[in-house]
N, C-alpha and C. Protein backbone atom coordinates (compact mmCIF):
# COMPACT_ATOMS: atom_id res chain seq x y z
N MET A 1 46.00 -25.46 31.61
CA MET A 1 44.99 -25.10 32.33
C MET A 1 45.57 -25.88 33.56
N PRO A 2 45.34 -25.28 34.87
CA PRO A 2 45.16 -25.97 36.25
C PRO A 2 43.84 -27.09 36.32
N ILE A 3 44.24 -28.69 36.49
CA ILE A 3 43.52 -29.25 37.41
C ILE A 3 43.27 -29.82 38.68
N ASP A 4 42.71 -29.79 39.22
CA ASP A 4 42.78 -29.91 40.79
C ASP A 4 42.54 -31.75 40.83
N GLU A 5 43.25 -32.21 41.10
CA GLU A 5 43.08 -34.02 40.69
C GLU A 5 42.48 -34.44 41.73
N SER A 6 42.68 -33.55 42.95
CA SER A 6 42.06 -33.74 44.35
C SER A 6 40.68 -34.08 44.03
N LEU A 7 40.09 -33.16 43.43
CA LEU A 7 38.86 -32.43 43.10
C LEU A 7 37.84 -33.52 42.26
N SER A 8 36.94 -34.34 42.16
CA SER A 8 36.09 -34.97 41.56
C SER A 8 35.78 -34.59 40.03
N PHE A 9 35.94 -35.25 39.06
CA PHE A 9 34.84 -34.36 38.02
C PHE A 9 33.46 -35.47 38.40
N VAL A 10 32.79 -34.22 37.52
CA VAL A 10 30.94 -34.08 37.33
C VAL A 10 30.54 -33.68 35.75
N PRO A 11 30.07 -35.51 35.54
CA PRO A 11 29.89 -35.20 34.46
C PRO A 11 28.26 -33.80 33.95
N LEU A 12 28.75 -33.94 32.96
CA LEU A 12 27.64 -33.13 32.85
C LEU A 12 26.30 -33.66 31.15
N HIS A 13 25.13 -33.06 31.76
CA HIS A 13 23.99 -34.37 30.54
C HIS A 13 24.28 -32.02 29.77
N ILE A 14 24.79 -32.97 27.99
CA ILE A 14 24.94 -31.85 27.04
C ILE A 14 23.86 -32.23 26.21
N ALA A 15 23.51 -31.37 25.43
CA ALA A 15 22.47 -31.35 24.18
C ALA A 15 23.83 -30.31 23.37
N VAL A 16 23.70 -31.56 22.02
CA VAL A 16 23.95 -30.81 20.50
C VAL A 16 23.76 -30.27 20.13
N ALA A 17 23.29 -29.18 19.08
CA ALA A 17 22.86 -28.51 18.16
C ALA A 17 23.47 -28.51 16.97
N THR A 18 23.12 -29.11 15.74
CA THR A 18 23.79 -28.46 14.28
C THR A 18 22.73 -28.21 13.56
N VAL A 19 23.05 -26.55 13.93
CA VAL A 19 22.31 -25.88 12.91
C VAL A 19 22.81 -25.37 11.47
N SER A 20 22.21 -25.79 10.76
CA SER A 20 23.04 -25.89 9.37
C SER A 20 20.71 -26.24 8.09
N ASP A 21 20.95 -26.56 7.07
CA ASP A 21 19.98 -26.44 6.14
C ASP A 21 20.97 -27.39 4.76
N THR A 22 22.02 -28.07 4.69
CA THR A 22 22.82 -28.80 4.44
C THR A 22 22.96 -30.40 5.18
N ARG A 23 22.86 -29.66 6.20
CA ARG A 23 23.76 -31.15 7.59
C ARG A 23 22.27 -32.02 7.55
N VAL A 24 23.01 -33.43 7.34
CA VAL A 24 22.19 -34.78 7.97
C VAL A 24 23.22 -35.61 8.85
N PRO A 25 22.31 -36.70 9.40
CA PRO A 25 23.19 -37.31 10.13
C PRO A 25 24.38 -37.86 9.83
N GLU A 26 24.52 -38.33 8.06
CA GLU A 26 25.26 -38.78 7.56
C GLU A 26 26.48 -37.74 7.46
N ASN A 27 26.53 -36.34 7.16
CA ASN A 27 27.78 -35.51 6.73
C ASN A 27 27.55 -34.74 8.16
N ASP A 28 26.77 -35.06 8.54
CA ASP A 28 27.51 -34.02 10.14
C ASP A 28 29.09 -33.84 10.84
N THR A 29 29.79 -33.84 10.58
CA THR A 29 31.15 -33.74 11.00
C THR A 29 31.27 -33.04 12.49
N SER A 30 30.79 -31.39 12.34
CA SER A 30 30.99 -30.64 13.34
C SER A 30 30.84 -31.67 14.49
N GLY A 31 29.61 -32.39 14.05
CA GLY A 31 28.25 -32.84 15.26
C GLY A 31 28.81 -33.76 15.85
N ASP A 32 29.51 -34.52 15.09
CA ASP A 32 30.62 -35.29 15.49
C ASP A 32 31.46 -35.63 16.13
N THR A 33 32.28 -34.45 15.60
CA THR A 33 33.34 -34.44 16.69
C THR A 33 33.20 -33.97 18.11
N LEU A 34 32.11 -33.12 18.12
CA LEU A 34 31.55 -32.77 19.25
C LEU A 34 31.90 -33.34 20.00
N VAL A 35 30.20 -34.21 19.92
CA VAL A 35 30.19 -35.09 20.36
C VAL A 35 31.29 -36.45 21.21
N ALA A 36 32.04 -36.65 19.85
CA ALA A 36 33.22 -37.25 20.55
C ALA A 36 33.91 -36.77 21.72
N ARG A 37 34.33 -35.39 21.89
CA ARG A 37 35.24 -34.73 22.73
C ARG A 37 34.59 -34.64 24.02
N LEU A 38 32.99 -34.55 24.02
CA LEU A 38 32.20 -33.99 25.10
C LEU A 38 32.81 -35.69 25.83
N THR A 39 32.15 -36.64 25.20
CA THR A 39 31.76 -38.00 25.75
C THR A 39 33.15 -38.20 25.68
N GLY A 40 34.02 -37.95 25.02
CA GLY A 40 35.56 -38.61 25.64
C GLY A 40 36.11 -37.95 26.51
N ALA A 41 35.50 -36.87 26.72
CA ALA A 41 35.40 -36.43 28.26
C ALA A 41 35.69 -37.20 29.48
N GLY A 42 33.94 -37.66 29.08
CA GLY A 42 32.82 -37.74 30.04
C GLY A 42 32.03 -37.76 30.54
N HIS A 43 31.74 -36.95 29.98
CA HIS A 43 30.30 -35.73 29.93
C HIS A 43 29.18 -37.13 29.12
N HIS A 44 27.76 -36.43 29.24
CA HIS A 44 27.04 -37.83 28.86
C HIS A 44 26.31 -36.76 27.96
N LEU A 45 25.46 -37.18 26.56
CA LEU A 45 25.06 -36.98 25.70
C LEU A 45 23.76 -36.87 25.63
N ALA A 46 23.14 -35.69 25.97
CA ALA A 46 21.46 -35.92 26.59
C ALA A 46 20.91 -36.32 25.35
N ALA A 47 21.16 -35.12 23.98
CA ALA A 47 20.39 -34.98 23.33
C ALA A 47 21.09 -35.21 22.08
N ARG A 48 20.25 -35.50 21.10
CA ARG A 48 21.22 -34.54 19.84
C ARG A 48 20.07 -34.55 18.48
N ALA A 49 20.50 -33.31 17.64
CA ALA A 49 19.39 -32.76 16.97
C ALA A 49 20.35 -31.74 15.69
N ILE A 50 19.75 -31.52 14.48
CA ILE A 50 19.61 -31.02 13.73
C ILE A 50 18.58 -29.83 12.95
N ILE A 51 19.04 -28.68 12.64
CA ILE A 51 17.90 -27.91 13.29
C ILE A 51 17.98 -26.89 11.66
N ARG A 52 16.85 -27.17 10.95
CA ARG A 52 17.33 -25.83 10.08
C ARG A 52 17.44 -24.06 10.24
N ASP A 53 18.09 -23.79 9.75
CA ASP A 53 19.17 -22.35 9.84
C ASP A 53 17.66 -21.53 9.69
N GLU A 54 16.86 -21.28 10.85
CA GLU A 54 15.44 -20.75 10.83
C GLU A 54 15.41 -20.73 12.30
N VAL A 55 14.94 -19.20 12.73
CA VAL A 55 14.74 -18.92 14.75
C VAL A 55 14.06 -19.57 14.72
N PRO A 56 12.53 -19.74 14.42
CA PRO A 56 11.04 -20.30 15.35
C PRO A 56 11.82 -21.94 15.70
N ALA A 57 12.41 -22.65 15.07
CA ALA A 57 13.13 -24.02 14.70
C ALA A 57 13.93 -23.60 16.39
N LEU A 58 14.93 -22.94 15.78
CA LEU A 58 16.32 -23.09 16.55
C LEU A 58 15.90 -22.87 18.37
N VAL A 59 14.38 -21.44 18.52
CA VAL A 59 14.10 -21.31 19.83
C VAL A 59 13.28 -22.61 20.36
N ALA A 60 12.42 -22.71 19.29
CA ALA A 60 11.80 -23.59 19.62
C ALA A 60 12.85 -25.16 20.95
N GLN A 61 14.10 -25.68 20.07
CA GLN A 61 14.11 -26.58 20.62
C GLN A 61 15.34 -25.79 21.68
N LEU A 62 15.82 -24.74 21.62
CA LEU A 62 16.72 -24.55 22.30
C LEU A 62 15.55 -24.60 24.07
N ASN A 63 14.23 -23.71 23.79
CA ASN A 63 13.45 -23.96 24.71
C ASN A 63 12.59 -25.20 25.32
N ALA A 64 12.94 -26.31 24.02
CA ALA A 64 12.81 -27.38 25.06
C ALA A 64 13.28 -28.10 25.83
N TRP A 65 15.25 -27.46 25.59
CA TRP A 65 15.79 -28.81 26.16
C TRP A 65 16.35 -27.59 27.45
N ILE A 66 15.95 -26.12 27.56
CA ILE A 66 15.96 -25.66 28.58
C ILE A 66 15.14 -25.75 29.36
N ASP A 67 14.42 -26.06 29.39
CA ASP A 67 13.01 -26.32 29.95
C ASP A 67 12.89 -28.16 30.97
N ASP A 68 14.49 -29.04 30.22
CA ASP A 68 14.23 -30.38 30.24
C ASP A 68 15.54 -30.01 31.73
N PRO A 69 15.13 -30.42 32.73
CA PRO A 69 15.97 -30.59 33.95
C PRO A 69 17.06 -31.38 34.18
N ALA A 70 16.72 -32.51 32.66
CA ALA A 70 18.36 -33.41 32.25
C ALA A 70 19.09 -32.73 32.01
N ILE A 71 19.32 -31.85 31.40
CA ILE A 71 20.26 -31.38 30.55
C ILE A 71 20.76 -29.71 31.21
N ASP A 72 21.85 -30.07 31.47
CA ASP A 72 22.38 -29.26 32.08
C ASP A 72 23.16 -27.75 30.81
N VAL A 73 23.59 -28.35 29.67
CA VAL A 73 23.98 -27.47 28.93
C VAL A 73 23.95 -28.19 27.70
N ILE A 74 23.38 -26.36 26.99
CA ILE A 74 23.58 -27.09 24.74
C ILE A 74 24.76 -26.40 24.75
N ILE A 75 24.99 -26.50 23.44
CA ILE A 75 25.97 -26.14 22.71
C ILE A 75 25.73 -26.39 21.35
N THR A 76 25.67 -26.18 20.53
CA THR A 76 25.36 -25.34 19.24
C THR A 76 26.70 -25.80 18.13
N THR A 77 26.32 -26.22 17.76
CA THR A 77 27.45 -26.06 16.27
C THR A 77 26.69 -25.26 14.73
N GLY A 78 26.78 -24.17 14.27
CA GLY A 78 26.38 -23.55 12.90
C GLY A 78 25.09 -22.39 12.91
N GLY A 79 25.09 -21.95 11.72
CA GLY A 79 24.09 -21.14 12.06
C GLY A 79 25.01 -19.44 12.85
N THR A 80 26.53 -19.26 12.82
CA THR A 80 27.40 -18.32 13.26
C THR A 80 27.27 -17.20 12.53
N GLY A 81 27.40 -17.55 11.37
CA GLY A 81 28.56 -16.55 10.57
C GLY A 81 27.49 -15.57 9.87
N VAL A 82 27.52 -14.77 8.95
CA VAL A 82 27.52 -13.34 8.71
C VAL A 82 26.33 -13.35 7.99
N THR A 83 26.12 -14.48 7.21
CA THR A 83 25.10 -14.33 5.32
C THR A 83 23.94 -14.97 6.41
N GLY A 84 23.31 -14.39 5.05
CA GLY A 84 21.24 -14.00 5.46
C GLY A 84 20.67 -15.30 6.17
N ARG A 85 21.12 -16.27 6.30
CA ARG A 85 20.80 -17.54 6.67
C ARG A 85 21.25 -17.81 8.41
N ASP A 86 22.25 -17.34 8.16
CA ASP A 86 22.84 -16.88 9.80
C ASP A 86 22.51 -17.03 10.90
N VAL A 87 21.44 -17.72 11.32
CA VAL A 87 20.73 -16.77 12.60
C VAL A 87 20.45 -17.09 13.61
N THR A 88 21.27 -18.30 14.30
CA THR A 88 22.33 -18.80 15.94
C THR A 88 21.89 -17.65 16.95
N PRO A 89 22.67 -16.49 16.63
CA PRO A 89 22.92 -15.05 17.60
C PRO A 89 22.04 -14.95 17.43
N GLU A 90 20.79 -14.61 16.83
CA GLU A 90 19.27 -14.28 16.68
C GLU A 90 18.49 -15.26 17.58
N ALA A 91 18.78 -16.45 17.63
CA ALA A 91 18.34 -17.62 18.48
C ALA A 91 18.21 -17.30 19.77
N LEU A 92 19.55 -16.87 20.09
CA LEU A 92 20.04 -17.36 21.43
C LEU A 92 19.57 -15.98 22.00
N ASP A 93 19.80 -14.59 21.24
CA ASP A 93 19.48 -13.41 22.07
C ASP A 93 17.91 -13.67 22.49
N GLN A 94 17.23 -14.18 21.72
CA GLN A 94 15.25 -14.55 22.01
C GLN A 94 15.41 -15.55 23.08
N VAL A 95 15.97 -15.69 24.08
CA VAL A 95 15.98 -17.06 24.46
C VAL A 95 17.22 -17.12 25.74
N THR A 96 17.65 -16.64 26.25
CA THR A 96 18.81 -15.80 27.17
C THR A 96 18.32 -14.74 28.54
N GLU A 97 18.89 -15.01 29.36
CA GLU A 97 18.10 -13.91 30.19
C GLU A 97 20.30 -13.71 30.65
N LYS A 98 21.19 -13.71 30.06
CA LYS A 98 22.29 -13.28 30.24
C LYS A 98 23.56 -13.58 28.68
N GLN A 99 24.01 -12.70 28.33
CA GLN A 99 25.13 -12.85 27.61
C GLN A 99 26.60 -13.40 28.51
N ILE A 100 26.97 -14.41 27.97
CA ILE A 100 28.57 -13.87 28.35
C ILE A 100 29.99 -13.94 27.42
N PRO A 101 30.14 -12.93 26.99
CA PRO A 101 30.32 -12.05 25.77
C PRO A 101 32.09 -12.91 25.88
N GLY A 102 32.54 -13.10 27.22
CA GLY A 102 34.25 -13.30 26.83
C GLY A 102 33.75 -14.25 26.10
N PHE A 103 33.41 -15.35 26.09
CA PHE A 103 33.43 -16.54 25.16
C PHE A 103 33.48 -17.24 23.98
N GLY A 104 33.24 -15.30 23.59
CA GLY A 104 32.77 -15.39 22.00
C GLY A 104 34.29 -14.01 21.68
N GLU A 105 34.98 -13.17 21.99
CA GLU A 105 36.20 -12.81 22.40
C GLU A 105 36.43 -14.05 22.41
N LEU A 106 36.92 -14.56 23.14
CA LEU A 106 38.28 -15.67 23.54
C LEU A 106 38.33 -16.81 21.98
N PHE A 107 36.94 -17.04 22.20
CA PHE A 107 37.09 -17.77 20.79
C PHE A 107 37.62 -17.43 19.70
N ARG A 108 37.54 -16.08 19.46
CA ARG A 108 37.78 -15.51 18.00
C ARG A 108 39.15 -15.38 18.78
N TRP A 109 39.62 -14.73 19.84
CA TRP A 109 41.10 -14.89 19.87
C TRP A 109 41.79 -16.18 19.51
N LEU A 110 41.55 -17.03 19.72
CA LEU A 110 42.18 -18.52 19.74
C LEU A 110 41.97 -19.12 18.42
N SER A 111 40.53 -18.73 17.44
CA SER A 111 41.09 -19.08 16.32
C SER A 111 41.41 -18.58 15.30
N PHE A 112 41.77 -17.03 15.97
CA PHE A 112 42.64 -16.07 15.23
C PHE A 112 44.60 -16.87 14.40
N GLN A 113 44.45 -17.29 15.97
CA GLN A 113 46.02 -17.90 15.47
C GLN A 113 46.01 -19.60 14.64
N THR A 114 44.45 -20.03 13.60
CA THR A 114 44.57 -21.08 13.52
C THR A 114 44.00 -20.42 12.62
N ILE A 115 43.33 -19.56 11.81
CA ILE A 115 42.29 -19.40 10.58
C ILE A 115 42.90 -17.79 10.24
N GLY A 116 43.75 -16.69 11.26
CA GLY A 116 43.91 -15.23 10.91
C GLY A 116 42.72 -14.47 11.05
N THR A 117 42.67 -13.98 10.03
CA THR A 117 41.47 -12.30 9.96
C THR A 117 40.50 -12.98 9.77
N SER A 118 40.54 -14.00 9.16
CA SER A 118 38.99 -15.37 9.01
C SER A 118 38.12 -15.19 10.05
N THR A 119 38.55 -15.14 11.21
CA THR A 119 37.63 -15.16 12.86
C THR A 119 36.78 -14.26 12.60
N ILE A 120 37.11 -13.18 12.29
CA ILE A 120 35.93 -12.04 12.10
C ILE A 120 34.78 -12.39 11.50
N GLN A 121 34.77 -13.64 10.66
CA GLN A 121 33.27 -13.67 10.23
C GLN A 121 32.86 -14.30 11.47
N SER A 122 33.22 -14.85 12.17
CA SER A 122 31.96 -16.22 13.35
C SER A 122 32.14 -14.34 14.73
N ARG A 123 30.28 -15.76 14.52
CA ARG A 123 29.61 -14.78 15.50
C ARG A 123 29.54 -15.19 17.18
N ALA A 124 30.08 -16.78 17.19
CA ALA A 124 30.50 -17.16 18.32
C ALA A 124 29.75 -16.71 19.23
N CYS A 125 29.06 -17.44 20.30
CA CYS A 125 28.24 -16.74 21.28
C CYS A 125 27.71 -17.35 22.55
N ALA A 126 27.47 -16.70 23.69
CA ALA A 126 27.43 -17.70 25.06
C ALA A 126 26.55 -16.86 25.68
N GLY A 127 25.54 -18.07 26.33
CA GLY A 127 24.45 -16.89 26.74
C GLY A 127 24.19 -18.20 27.87
N LEU A 128 23.19 -17.37 28.75
CA LEU A 128 22.69 -18.65 30.05
C LEU A 128 20.97 -18.14 30.12
N ALA A 129 20.17 -19.10 30.18
CA ALA A 129 19.01 -18.97 29.98
C ALA A 129 18.13 -20.20 31.06
N ARG A 130 17.80 -19.65 31.99
CA ARG A 130 17.09 -19.95 32.97
C ARG A 130 17.32 -21.41 33.99
N GLY A 131 19.21 -20.91 34.00
CA GLY A 131 20.30 -22.16 34.54
C GLY A 131 20.07 -23.34 33.32
N THR A 132 20.50 -22.47 32.14
CA THR A 132 21.16 -24.03 31.75
C THR A 132 22.42 -22.34 30.74
N TYR A 133 24.05 -23.23 30.51
CA TYR A 133 24.00 -22.54 29.39
C TYR A 133 23.97 -22.44 28.29
N ILE A 134 24.36 -22.09 27.55
CA ILE A 134 23.95 -22.47 25.97
C ILE A 134 25.69 -21.79 25.57
N PHE A 135 25.82 -22.63 24.54
CA PHE A 135 27.28 -22.09 23.85
C PHE A 135 27.13 -22.19 22.20
N CYS A 136 27.46 -21.62 21.86
CA CYS A 136 27.29 -21.21 20.07
C CYS A 136 28.70 -21.14 19.52
N LEU A 137 28.83 -22.47 18.46
CA LEU A 137 30.46 -22.13 18.03
C LEU A 137 29.86 -22.44 16.53
N PRO A 138 30.89 -21.27 15.73
CA PRO A 138 31.04 -22.25 14.09
C PRO A 138 30.47 -23.17 14.11
N GLY A 139 30.48 -23.66 12.34
CA GLY A 139 29.41 -24.90 12.09
C GLY A 139 31.24 -25.69 10.89
N SER A 140 31.90 -25.65 11.44
CA SER A 140 33.47 -26.66 10.79
C SER A 140 33.61 -27.13 12.14
N THR A 141 34.35 -28.05 11.89
CA THR A 141 34.83 -29.07 12.59
C THR A 141 36.38 -28.10 13.17
N GLY A 142 37.00 -27.41 12.68
CA GLY A 142 38.33 -26.61 12.88
C GLY A 142 37.64 -25.95 13.71
N ALA A 143 36.48 -25.14 13.73
CA ALA A 143 36.32 -24.26 15.20
C ALA A 143 35.50 -25.30 15.95
N VAL A 144 34.69 -25.84 15.95
CA VAL A 144 34.43 -26.97 16.97
C VAL A 144 35.77 -27.23 18.04
N LYS A 145 36.60 -27.86 17.45
CA LYS A 145 38.25 -28.10 18.29
C LYS A 145 38.72 -26.89 18.72
N ASP A 146 38.52 -26.24 18.00
CA ASP A 146 38.51 -24.59 18.87
C ASP A 146 38.25 -24.52 20.24
N GLY A 147 37.04 -24.37 19.77
CA GLY A 147 35.14 -24.04 20.81
C GLY A 147 36.19 -25.02 22.19
N TRP A 148 36.00 -26.14 21.61
CA TRP A 148 35.35 -26.95 22.60
C TRP A 148 37.41 -27.25 23.79
N ASP A 149 38.57 -27.39 22.88
CA ASP A 149 39.86 -27.57 22.73
C ASP A 149 40.60 -26.83 23.80
N GLY A 150 40.30 -25.28 23.58
CA GLY A 150 40.91 -24.52 24.37
C GLY A 150 39.73 -23.61 24.62
N ILE A 151 38.58 -24.05 25.08
CA ILE A 151 37.72 -23.22 26.40
C ILE A 151 36.85 -24.63 26.95
N LEU A 152 35.90 -25.31 26.35
CA LEU A 152 34.88 -25.63 27.08
C LEU A 152 35.10 -26.97 27.70
N ALA A 153 36.61 -27.38 27.36
CA ALA A 153 37.18 -28.24 27.79
C ALA A 153 37.34 -28.16 29.54
N SER A 154 37.97 -27.23 29.63
CA SER A 154 38.44 -27.22 30.89
C SER A 154 37.15 -26.70 31.82
N GLN A 155 36.41 -25.84 31.20
CA GLN A 155 35.43 -25.07 31.82
C GLN A 155 34.37 -25.69 32.33
N LEU A 156 34.16 -26.72 31.74
CA LEU A 156 33.11 -27.39 31.49
C LEU A 156 33.45 -28.97 33.03
N ASP A 157 34.98 -28.82 33.32
CA ASP A 157 35.17 -29.50 34.35
C ASP A 157 36.19 -29.15 35.63
N ALA A 158 34.49 -29.80 36.61
CA ALA A 158 34.83 -28.80 38.00
C ALA A 158 35.74 -28.73 38.41
N ARG A 159 36.91 -29.60 37.77
CA ARG A 159 38.58 -29.24 38.41
C ARG A 159 39.61 -29.01 38.73
N HIS A 160 38.64 -27.80 37.52
CA HIS A 160 39.68 -26.70 37.04
C HIS A 160 39.71 -25.77 37.81
N ARG A 161 40.72 -25.59 37.90
CA ARG A 161 40.98 -24.15 38.91
C ARG A 161 41.95 -22.33 38.24
N PRO A 162 41.33 -21.31 38.59
CA PRO A 162 40.62 -20.90 39.63
C PRO A 162 39.30 -20.86 39.91
N CYS A 163 38.51 -21.03 38.68
CA CYS A 163 36.89 -21.49 38.52
C CYS A 163 36.66 -21.75 37.23
N ASN A 164 36.14 -22.48 37.20
CA ASN A 164 34.63 -23.28 35.78
C ASN A 164 33.30 -23.01 35.77
N PHE A 165 32.51 -23.58 35.35
CA PHE A 165 30.91 -22.64 34.98
C PHE A 165 30.77 -24.18 35.43
N VAL A 166 30.93 -24.99 36.08
CA VAL A 166 30.86 -26.06 36.63
C VAL A 166 30.05 -25.63 37.93
N GLU A 167 31.22 -25.43 39.13
CA GLU A 167 31.12 -25.01 40.32
C GLU A 167 29.70 -24.39 40.67
N LEU A 168 29.29 -23.48 38.93
CA LEU A 168 28.55 -22.54 39.63
C LEU A 168 26.79 -23.16 38.97
N LEU A 169 27.23 -23.99 38.60
CA LEU A 169 25.39 -24.15 38.27
C LEU A 169 24.39 -24.99 39.21
N PRO A 170 25.25 -24.86 40.65
CA PRO A 170 24.11 -25.22 41.89
C PRO A 170 23.56 -23.51 42.03
N ARG A 171 23.92 -22.07 41.40
CA ARG A 171 22.89 -21.09 42.11
C ARG A 171 22.95 -20.18 40.45
N LEU A 172 22.54 -20.64 39.26
CA LEU A 172 22.25 -20.33 38.36
C LEU A 172 20.82 -19.45 38.42
N ARG A 173 20.29 -19.80 39.35
CA ARG A 173 18.62 -20.05 39.27
C ARG A 173 18.31 -18.50 40.43
N GLU A 174 19.34 -17.99 41.14
CA GLU A 174 19.09 -17.65 42.18
C GLU A 174 18.42 -16.02 41.93
N ARG A 175 17.63 -16.05 42.31
CA ARG A 175 17.14 -14.50 42.54
C ARG A 175 17.39 -13.35 43.75
């Protein structure tokens, strides 16, 4: 993917939420992988939390981060499957003003190349809420790698051409 080296990298402040009933800091491998990749790319970890698979708890945390002017992007990992406890997309629906459907479509296309038709069980999604980007990845470490390496690393880099999410940040609150 083309990076215009004549432009400056713009580090973003990114919050990471692991959505899980079973993960704790000691075994949050998908959260650790995501943090390593975003900080390795030059971004700042603004906040990190592990949140149970409960819509009210996730909505409350998302709203707190959305309202924090120091956070540009939220990335969640987990809770995007099809079981009864997987509620991340439902929580996202409660906070977003605009969906970014191409994110989930592209994620599943990339994931198909790794895990085949099993990717159909993923409800990876993204949206925009009050000027903050939110990207919801599945909870496996492989899914985090696919989502970051295949989509987010370039779209969260201001040097990526022909366009990227970073250059739109100043205009997200326009009415």
